[in-house]
C-alpha cells in the first residue's frame, strides 16, 4: 500500500512539474529565476526525505529528487526578466 501511495505522489509531482514548465514556456506565469530554483530545491529535498523515510521504495524518492534537480538547473539557465524602459522623448 505504501508503494501505491508513493507512486501516486510521484505521478502527482510529475504532473504539477510538467504543468509548471508548460506555463513557463507558454508565458502564462512569470516567476523569477530564484523562485524556479527554490521550487527545484524543495522537490530535491523532498525526494531525499522520501529516500530516507522509505528505504525499501527509494526509487520514488530518487525520481522526485531528479525532477527537482532538473527543475533547479532549468531555472538556473533561464534569462531573468528585464524591465522595458520606454523612450520619454
PDB file of N, CA and C in Angstrom:
ATOM      1  N   UNK A   1       0.821  -1.190   0.000  1.00  0.00           N
ATOM      2  CA  UNK A   1       0.000   0.000   0.000  1.00  0.00           C
ATOM      3  C   UNK A   1       0.868   1.259   0.000  1.00  0.00           C
ATOM      4  N   UNK A   2       2.015   1.186   0.656  1.00  0.00           N
ATOM      5  CA  UNK A   2       2.921   2.333   0.674  1.00  0.00           C
ATOM      6  C   UNK A   2       3.451   2.604  -0.725  1.00  0.00           C
ATOM      7  N   UNK A   3       3.766   1.536  -1.465  1.00  0.00           N
ATOM      8  CA  UNK A   3       4.263   1.725  -2.825  1.00  0.00           C
ATOM      9  C   UNK A   3       3.228   2.407  -3.707  1.00  0.00           C
ATOM     10  N   UNK A   4       1.958   2.044  -3.555  1.00  0.00           N
ATOM     11  CA  UNK A   4       0.902   2.669  -4.347  1.00  0.00           C
ATOM     12  C   UNK A   4       0.781   4.154  -4.008  1.00  0.00           C
ATOM     13  N   UNK A   5       0.862   4.496  -2.730  1.00  0.00           N
ATOM     14  CA  UNK A   5       0.800   5.894  -2.314  1.00  0.00           C
ATOM     15  C   UNK A   5       1.978   6.698  -2.828  1.00  0.00           C
ATOM     16  N   UNK A   6       3.172   6.110  -2.757  1.00  0.00           N
ATOM     17  CA  UNK A   6       4.350   6.809  -3.269  1.00  0.00           C
ATOM     18  C   UNK A   6       4.297   6.952  -4.786  1.00  0.00           C
ATOM     19  N   UNK A   7       3.733   5.945  -5.455  1.00  0.00           N
ATOM     20  CA  UNK A   7       3.579   6.037  -6.906  1.00  0.00           C
ATOM     21  C   UNK A   7       2.618   7.167  -7.268  1.00  0.00           C
ATOM     22  N   UNK A   8       1.501   7.266  -6.558  1.00  0.00           N
ATOM     23  CA  UNK A   8       0.555   8.360  -6.810  1.00  0.00           C
ATOM     24  C   UNK A   8       1.182   9.720  -6.512  1.00  0.00           C
ATOM     25  N   UNK A   9       1.947   9.804  -5.433  1.00  0.00           N
ATOM     26  CA  UNK A   9       2.620  11.051  -5.084  1.00  0.00           C
ATOM     27  C   UNK A   9       3.631  11.446  -6.156  1.00  0.00           C
ATOM     28  N   UNK A  10       4.393  10.479  -6.645  1.00  0.00           N
ATOM     29  CA  UNK A  10       5.382  10.753  -7.681  1.00  0.00           C
ATOM     30  C   UNK A  10       4.710  11.201  -8.975  1.00  0.00           C
ATOM     31  N   UNK A  11       3.627  10.550  -9.350  1.00  0.00           N
ATOM     32  CA  UNK A  11       2.899  10.939 -10.564  1.00  0.00           C
ATOM     33  C   UNK A  11       2.300  12.329 -10.399  1.00  0.00           C
ATOM     34  N   UNK A  12       1.764  12.641  -9.223  1.00  0.00           N
ATOM     35  CA  UNK A  12       1.208  13.968  -8.966  1.00  0.00           C
ATOM     36  C   UNK A  12       2.286  15.044  -9.071  1.00  0.00           C
ATOM     37  N   UNK A  13       3.449  14.786  -8.491  1.00  0.00           N
ATOM     38  CA  UNK A  13       4.550  15.752  -8.567  1.00  0.00           C
ATOM     39  C   UNK A  13       5.009  15.919 -10.011  1.00  0.00           C
ATOM     40  N   UNK A  14       5.051  14.829 -10.755  1.00  0.00           N
ATOM     41  CA  UNK A  14       5.440  14.903 -12.161  1.00  0.00           C
ATOM     42  C   UNK A  14       4.438  15.729 -12.965  1.00  0.00           C
ATOM     43  N   UNK A  15       3.153  15.534 -12.728  1.00  0.00           N
ATOM     44  CA  UNK A  15       2.121  16.294 -13.444  1.00  0.00           C
ATOM     45  C   UNK A  15       2.202  17.779 -13.100  1.00  0.00           C
ATOM     46  N   UNK A  16       2.361  18.100 -11.818  1.00  0.00           N
ATOM     47  CA  UNK A  16       2.464  19.503 -11.399  1.00  0.00           C
ATOM     48  C   UNK A  16       3.699  20.156 -12.008  1.00  0.00           C
ATOM     49  N   UNK A  17       4.808  19.432 -12.053  1.00  0.00           N
ATOM     50  CA  UNK A  17       6.036  19.981 -12.617  1.00  0.00           C
ATOM     51  C   UNK A  17       5.908  20.192 -14.122  1.00  0.00           C
ATOM     52  N   UNK A  18       5.272  19.263 -14.814  1.00  0.00           N
ATOM     53  CA  UNK A  18       5.064  19.432 -16.259  1.00  0.00           C
ATOM     54  C   UNK A  18       4.161  20.634 -16.529  1.00  0.00           C
ATOM     55  N   UNK A  19       3.110  20.795 -15.743  1.00  0.00           N
ATOM     56  CA  UNK A  19       2.232  21.960 -15.898  1.00  0.00           C
ATOM     57  C   UNK A  19       2.998  23.246 -15.595  1.00  0.00           C
ATOM     58  N   UNK A  20       3.866  23.218 -14.585  1.00  0.00           N
ATOM     59  CA  UNK A  20       4.680  24.381 -14.234  1.00  0.00           C
ATOM     60  C   UNK A  20       5.596  24.769 -15.394  1.00  0.00           C
ATOM     61  N   UNK A  21       6.295  23.778 -15.959  1.00  0.00           N
ATOM     62  CA  UNK A  21       7.202  24.064 -17.074  1.00  0.00           C
ATOM     63  C   UNK A  21       6.430  24.504 -18.321  1.00  0.00           C
ATOM     64  N   UNK A  22       5.265  23.925 -18.563  1.00  0.00           N
ATOM     65  CA  UNK A  22       4.445  24.350 -19.700  1.00  0.00           C
ATOM     66  C   UNK A  22       3.982  25.794 -19.513  1.00  0.00           C
ATOM     67  N   UNK A  23       3.608  26.151 -18.298  1.00  0.00           N
ATOM     68  CA  UNK A  23       3.221  27.529 -18.013  1.00  0.00           C
ATOM     69  C   UNK A  23       4.363  28.505 -18.215  1.00  0.00           C
ATOM     70  N   UNK A  24       5.568  28.076 -17.863  1.00  0.00           N
ATOM     71  CA  UNK A  24       6.740  28.920 -18.092  1.00  0.00           C
ATOM     72  C   UNK A  24       7.014  29.100 -19.577  1.00  0.00           C
ATOM     73  N   UNK A  25       6.987  27.993 -20.304  1.00  0.00           N
ATOM     74  CA  UNK A  25       7.321  28.060 -21.724  1.00  0.00           C
ATOM     75  C   UNK A  25       6.255  28.788 -22.537  1.00  0.00           C
ATOM     76  N   UNK A  26       5.001  28.674 -22.136  1.00  0.00           N
ATOM     77  CA  UNK A  26       3.923  29.361 -22.840  1.00  0.00           C
ATOM     78  C   UNK A  26       3.683  30.766 -22.301  1.00  0.00           C
ATOM     79  N   UNK A  27       4.469  31.179 -21.315  1.00  0.00           N
ATOM     80  CA  UNK A  27       4.443  32.526 -20.740  1.00  0.00           C
ATOM     81  C   UNK A  27       3.132  32.839 -20.022  1.00  0.00           C
ATOM     82  N   UNK A  28       2.516  31.821 -19.402  1.00  0.00           N
ATOM     83  CA  UNK A  28       1.331  32.050 -18.581  1.00  0.00           C
ATOM     84  C   UNK A  28       1.715  32.559 -17.196  1.00  0.00           C
ATOM     85  N   UNK A  29       2.834  32.084 -16.686  1.00  0.00           N
ATOM     86  CA  UNK A  29       3.336  32.527 -15.385  1.00  0.00           C
ATOM     87  C   UNK A  29       4.745  33.055 -15.583  1.00  0.00           C
ATOM     88  N   UNK A  30       5.147  33.969 -14.719  1.00  0.00           N
ATOM     89  CA  UNK A  30       6.471  34.572 -14.846  1.00  0.00           C
ATOM     90  C   UNK A  30       7.182  34.627 -13.494  1.00  0.00           C
ATOM     91  N   UNK A  31       7.548  33.479 -12.949  1.00  0.00           N
ATOM     92  CA  UNK A  31       8.300  33.515 -11.693  1.00  0.00           C
ATOM     93  C   UNK A  31       9.735  33.952 -11.955  1.00  0.00           C
ATOM     94  N   UNK A  32      10.365  34.470 -10.920  1.00  0.00           N
ATOM     95  CA  UNK A  32      11.760  34.868 -11.071  1.00  0.00           C
ATOM     96  C   UNK A  32      12.640  33.621 -11.121  1.00  0.00           C
ATOM     97  N   UNK A  33      13.885  33.828 -11.492  1.00  0.00           N
ATOM     98  CA  UNK A  33      14.837  32.720 -11.569  1.00  0.00           C
ATOM     99  C   UNK A  33      14.996  32.083 -10.195  1.00  0.00           C
ATOM    100  N   UNK A  34      15.043  32.896  -9.164  1.00  0.00           N
ATOM    101  CA  UNK A  34      15.204  32.385  -7.805  1.00  0.00           C
ATOM    102  C   UNK A  34      14.018  31.520  -7.386  1.00  0.00           C
ATOM    103  N   UNK A  35      12.818  31.902  -7.760  1.00  0.00           N
ATOM    104  CA  UNK A  35      11.642  31.109  -7.397  1.00  0.00           C
ATOM    105  C   UNK A  35      11.659  29.740  -8.070  1.00  0.00           C
ATOM    106  N   UNK A  36      12.094  29.682  -9.322  1.00  0.00           N
ATOM    107  CA  UNK A  36      12.180  28.395 -10.018  1.00  0.00           C
ATOM    108  C   UNK A  36      13.247  27.524  -9.368  1.00  0.00           C
ATOM    109  N   UNK A  37      14.380  28.120  -9.008  1.00  0.00           N
ATOM    110  CA  UNK A  37      15.444  27.366  -8.347  1.00  0.00           C
ATOM    111  C   UNK A  37      14.986  26.857  -6.985  1.00  0.00           C
ATOM    112  N   UNK A  38      14.276  27.674  -6.229  1.00  0.00           N
ATOM    113  CA  UNK A  38      13.786  27.240  -4.922  1.00  0.00           C
ATOM    114  C   UNK A  38      12.761  26.118  -5.046  1.00  0.00           C
ATOM    115  N   UNK A  39      11.929  26.156  -6.073  1.00  0.00           N
ATOM    116  CA  UNK A  39      10.986  25.065  -6.323  1.00  0.00           C
ATOM    117  C   UNK A  39      11.755  23.768  -6.580  1.00  0.00           C
ATOM    118  N   UNK A  40      12.826  23.858  -7.354  1.00  0.00           N
ATOM    119  CA  UNK A  40      13.659  22.685  -7.609  1.00  0.00           C
ATOM    120  C   UNK A  40      14.342  22.174  -6.351  1.00  0.00           C
ATOM    121  N   UNK A  41      14.815  23.085  -5.514  1.00  0.00           N
ATOM    122  CA  UNK A  41      15.470  22.683  -4.261  1.00  0.00           C
ATOM    123  C   UNK A  41      14.471  22.003  -3.335  1.00  0.00           C
ATOM    124  N   UNK A  42      13.257  22.534  -3.257  1.00  0.00           N
ATOM    125  CA  UNK A  42      12.238  21.914  -2.403  1.00  0.00           C
ATOM    126  C   UNK A  42      11.901  20.506  -2.876  1.00  0.00           C
ATOM    127  N   UNK A  43      11.767  20.327  -4.171  1.00  0.00           N
ATOM    128  CA  UNK A  43      11.483  18.985  -4.682  1.00  0.00           C
ATOM    129  C   UNK A  43      12.644  18.032  -4.420  1.00  0.00           C
ATOM    130  N   UNK A  44      13.869  18.519  -4.586  1.00  0.00           N
ATOM    131  CA  UNK A  44      15.039  17.677  -4.330  1.00  0.00           C
ATOM    132  C   UNK A  44      15.100  17.262  -2.866  1.00  0.00           C
ATOM    133  N   UNK A  45      14.890  18.207  -1.961  1.00  0.00           N
ATOM    134  CA  UNK A  45      14.911  17.878  -0.535  1.00  0.00           C
ATOM    135  C   UNK A  45      13.781  16.928  -0.164  1.00  0.00           C
ATOM    136  N   UNK A  46      12.615  17.108  -0.760  1.00  0.00           N
ATOM    137  CA  UNK A  46      11.509  16.189  -0.502  1.00  0.00           C
ATOM    138  C   UNK A  46      11.853  14.790  -0.999  1.00  0.00           C
ATOM    139  N   UNK A  47      12.518  14.700  -2.139  1.00  0.00           N
ATOM    140  CA  UNK A  47      12.958  13.401  -2.641  1.00  0.00           C
ATOM    141  C   UNK A  47      13.940  12.733  -1.702  1.00  0.00           C
ATOM    142  N   UNK A  48      14.846  13.513  -1.113  1.00  0.00           N
ATOM    143  CA  UNK A  48      15.807  12.961  -0.152  1.00  0.00           C
ATOM    144  C   UNK A  48      15.083  12.446   1.089  1.00  0.00           C
ATOM    145  N   UNK A  49      14.087  13.191   1.551  1.00  0.00           N
ATOM    146  CA  UNK A  49      13.312  12.750   2.719  1.00  0.00           C
ATOM    147  C   UNK A  49      12.588  11.445   2.420  1.00  0.00           C
ATOM    148  N   UNK A  50      12.015  11.329   1.224  1.00  0.00           N
ATOM    149  CA  UNK A  50      11.323  10.091   0.851  1.00  0.00           C
ATOM    150  C   UNK A  50      12.305   8.929   0.783  1.00  0.00           C
ATOM    151  N   UNK A  51      13.509   9.160   0.273  1.00  0.00           N
ATOM    152  CA  UNK A  51      14.520   8.094   0.210  1.00  0.00           C
ATOM    153  C   UNK A  51      14.855   7.595   1.603  1.00  0.00           C
ATOM    154  N   UNK A  52      15.053   8.508   2.550  1.00  0.00           N
ATOM    155  CA  UNK A  52      15.420   8.088   3.902  1.00  0.00           C
ATOM    156  C   UNK A  52      14.240   7.518   4.685  1.00  0.00           C
ATOM    157  N   UNK A  53      13.033   7.997   4.414  1.00  0.00           N
ATOM    158  CA  UNK A  53      11.870   7.521   5.161  1.00  0.00           C
ATOM    159  C   UNK A  53      11.412   6.143   4.694  1.00  0.00           C
ATOM    160  N   UNK A  54      11.503   5.890   3.404  1.00  0.00           N
ATOM    161  CA  UNK A  54      11.038   4.621   2.837  1.00  0.00           C
ATOM    162  C   UNK A  54      12.195   3.970   2.101  1.00  0.00           C
ATOM    163  N   UNK A  55      13.077   3.328   2.841  1.00  0.00           N
ATOM    164  CA  UNK A  55      14.281   2.764   2.243  1.00  0.00           C
ATOM    165  C   UNK A  55      13.973   1.649   1.251  1.00  0.00           C
ATOM    166  N   UNK A  56      12.877   0.922   1.461  1.00  0.00           N
ATOM    167  CA  UNK A  56      12.552  -0.159   0.535  1.00  0.00           C
ATOM    168  C   UNK A  56      11.997   0.375  -0.787  1.00  0.00           C
ATOM    169  N   UNK A  57      11.525   1.601  -0.796  1.00  0.00           N
ATOM    170  CA  UNK A  57      10.965   2.207  -2.008  1.00  0.00           C
ATOM    171  C   UNK A  57      11.752   3.458  -2.379  1.00  0.00           C
ATOM    172  N   UNK A  58      13.062   3.362  -2.381  1.00  0.00           N
ATOM    173  CA  UNK A  58      13.887   4.545  -2.588  1.00  0.00           C
ATOM    174  C   UNK A  58      13.861   5.049  -4.025  1.00  0.00           C
ATOM    175  N   UNK A  59      13.383   4.243  -4.979  1.00  0.00           N
ATOM    176  CA  UNK A  59      13.344   4.697  -6.371  1.00  0.00           C
ATOM    177  C   UNK A  59      12.384   5.871  -6.539  1.00  0.00           C
ATOM    178  N   UNK A  60      11.303   5.899  -5.754  1.00  0.00           N
ATOM    179  CA  UNK A  60      10.350   7.010  -5.852  1.00  0.00           C
ATOM    180  C   UNK A  60      10.989   8.309  -5.364  1.00  0.00           C
ATOM    181  N   UNK A  61      11.715   8.250  -4.278  1.00  0.00           N
ATOM    182  CA  UNK A  61      12.419   9.430  -3.786  1.00  0.00           C
ATOM    183  C   UNK A  61      13.487   9.896  -4.753  1.00  0.00           C
ATOM    184  N   UNK A  62      14.157   8.935  -5.385  1.00  0.00           N
ATOM    185  CA  UNK A  62      15.177   9.280  -6.373  1.00  0.00           C
ATOM    186  C   UNK A  62      14.548   9.999  -7.563  1.00  0.00           C
ATOM    187  N   UNK A  63      13.407   9.526  -8.018  1.00  0.00           N
ATOM    188  CA  UNK A  63      12.727  10.162  -9.157  1.00  0.00           C
ATOM    189  C   UNK A  63      12.259  11.570  -8.783  1.00  0.00           C
ATOM    190  N   UNK A  64      11.701  11.726  -7.581  1.00  0.00           N
ATOM    191  CA  UNK A  64      11.264  13.056  -7.131  1.00  0.00           C
ATOM    192  C   UNK A  64      12.466  13.994  -7.025  1.00  0.00           C
ATOM    193  N   UNK A  65      13.574  13.506  -6.471  1.00  0.00           N
ATOM    194  CA  UNK A  65      14.781  14.323  -6.377  1.00  0.00           C
ATOM    195  C   UNK A  65      15.337  14.689  -7.737  1.00  0.00           C
ATOM    196  N   UNK A  66      15.270  13.763  -8.677  1.00  0.00           N
ATOM    197  CA  UNK A  66      15.749  14.028 -10.031  1.00  0.00           C
ATOM    198  C   UNK A  66      14.881  15.080 -10.724  1.00  0.00           C
ATOM    199  N   UNK A  67      13.581  15.018 -10.516  1.00  0.00           N
ATOM    200  CA  UNK A  67      12.679  16.040 -11.063  1.00  0.00           C
ATOM    201  C   UNK A  67      13.040  17.410 -10.483  1.00  0.00           C
ATOM    202  N   UNK A  68      13.319  17.452  -9.177  1.00  0.00           N
ATOM    203  CA  UNK A  68      13.712  18.707  -8.543  1.00  0.00           C
ATOM    204  C   UNK A  68      15.036  19.228  -9.058  1.00  0.00           C
ATOM    205  N   UNK A  69      15.977  18.325  -9.286  1.00  0.00           N
ATOM    206  CA  UNK A  69      17.285  18.730  -9.802  1.00  0.00           C
ATOM    207  C   UNK A  69      17.155  19.307 -11.210  1.00  0.00           C
ATOM    208  N   UNK A  70      16.362  18.669 -12.044  1.00  0.00           N
ATOM    209  CA  UNK A  70      16.157  19.163 -13.409  1.00  0.00           C
ATOM    210  C   UNK A  70      15.458  20.523 -13.382  1.00  0.00           C
ATOM    211  N   UNK A  71      14.488  20.689 -12.491  1.00  0.00           N
ATOM    212  CA  UNK A  71      13.784  21.968 -12.377  1.00  0.00           C
ATOM    213  C   UNK A  71      14.731  23.069 -11.910  1.00  0.00           C
ATOM    214  N   UNK A  72      15.583  22.769 -10.933  1.00  0.00           N
ATOM    215  CA  UNK A  72      16.537  23.761 -10.442  1.00  0.00           C
ATOM    216  C   UNK A  72      17.552  24.160 -11.495  1.00  0.00           C
ATOM    217  N   UNK A  73      18.038  23.198 -12.256  1.00  0.00           N
ATOM    218  CA  UNK A  73      19.001  23.504 -13.318  1.00  0.00           C
ATOM    219  C   UNK A  73      18.320  24.298 -14.427  1.00  0.00           C
ATOM    220  N   UNK A  74      17.081  23.932 -14.750  1.00  0.00           N
ATOM    221  CA  UNK A  74      16.321  24.683 -15.750  1.00  0.00           C
ATOM    222  C   UNK A  74      16.158  26.134 -15.307  1.00  0.00           C
ATOM    223  N   UNK A  75      15.915  26.343 -14.024  1.00  0.00           N
ATOM    224  CA  UNK A  75      15.769  27.699 -13.506  1.00  0.00           C
ATOM    225  C   UNK A  75      17.061  28.485 -13.540  1.00  0.00           C
ATOM    226  N   UNK A  76      18.193  27.798 -13.441  1.00  0.00           N
ATOM    227  CA  UNK A  76      19.482  28.478 -13.465  1.00  0.00           C
ATOM    228  C   UNK A  76      19.799  29.048 -14.838  1.00  0.00           C
ATOM    229  N   UNK A  77      19.323  28.392 -15.882  1.00  0.00           N
ATOM    230  CA  UNK A  77      19.660  28.821 -17.230  1.00  0.00           C
ATOM    231  C   UNK A  77      18.579  29.672 -17.884  1.00  0.00           C
ATOM    232  N   UNK A  78      17.558  30.017 -17.129  1.00  0.00           N
ATOM    233  CA  UNK A  78      16.551  30.937 -17.663  1.00  0.00           C
ATOM    234  C   UNK A  78      17.101  32.348 -17.659  1.00  0.00           C
ATOM    235  N   UNK A  79      16.664  33.129 -18.618  1.00  0.00           N
ATOM    236  CA  UNK A  79      17.073  34.524 -18.638  1.00  0.00           C
ATOM    237  C   UNK A  79      16.186  35.304 -17.680  1.00  0.00           C
ATOM    238  N   UNK A  80      16.780  36.142 -16.839  1.00  0.00           N
ATOM    239  CA  UNK A  80      15.958  36.914 -15.905  1.00  0.00           C
ATOM    240  C   UNK A  80      15.100  37.921 -16.664  1.00  0.00           C
ATOM    241  N   UNK A  81      13.956  38.223 -16.085  1.00  0.00           N
ATOM    242  CA  UNK A  81      13.069  39.202 -16.702  1.00  0.00           C
ATOM    243  C   UNK A  81      13.691  40.585 -16.598  1.00  0.00           C
ATOM    244  N   UNK A  82      13.660  41.306 -17.683  1.00  0.00           N
ATOM    245  CA  UNK A  82      14.214  42.656 -17.685  1.00  0.00           C
ATOM    246  C   UNK A  82      13.076  43.652 -17.836  1.00  0.00           C
ATOM    247  N   UNK A  83      13.242  44.764 -17.197  1.00  0.00           N
ATOM    248  CA  UNK A  83      12.230  45.816 -17.279  1.00  0.00           C
ATOM    249  C   UNK A  83      12.369  46.538 -18.614  1.00  0.00           C
ATOM    250  N   UNK A  84      11.247  46.784 -19.252  1.00  0.00           N
ATOM    251  CA  UNK A  84      11.262  47.509 -20.519  1.00  0.00           C
ATOM    252  C   UNK A  84      11.071  48.988 -20.231  1.00  0.00           C
ATOM    253  N   UNK A  85      12.081  49.742 -20.559  1.00  0.00           N
ATOM    254  CA  UNK A  85      12.044  51.177 -20.325  1.00  0.00           C
ATOM    255  C   UNK A  85      11.791  51.862 -21.663  1.00  0.00           C
ATOM    256  N   UNK A  86      10.704  52.572 -21.736  1.00  0.00           N
ATOM    257  CA  UNK A  86      10.350  53.256 -22.988  1.00  0.00           C
ATOM    258  C   UNK A  86      11.051  54.603 -23.084  1.00  0.00           C
ATOM    259  N   UNK A  87      11.229  55.063 -24.308  1.00  0.00           N
ATOM    260  CA  UNK A  87      11.825  56.383 -24.528  1.00  0.00           C
ATOM    261  C   UNK A  87      10.817  57.455 -24.148  1.00  0.00           C
ATOM    262  N   UNK A  88      11.270  58.446 -23.429  1.00  0.00           N
ATOM    263  CA  UNK A  88      10.393  59.533 -22.997  1.00  0.00           C
ATOM    264  C   UNK A  88      10.719  60.813 -23.769  1.00  0.00           C
ATOM    265  N   UNK A  89      10.989  60.670 -25.035  1.00  0.00           N
ATOM    266  CA  UNK A  89      11.318  61.863 -25.819  1.00  0.00           C
ATOM    267  C   UNK A  89      10.148  62.341 -26.633  1.00  0.00           C
TER     268      UNK A  89
END
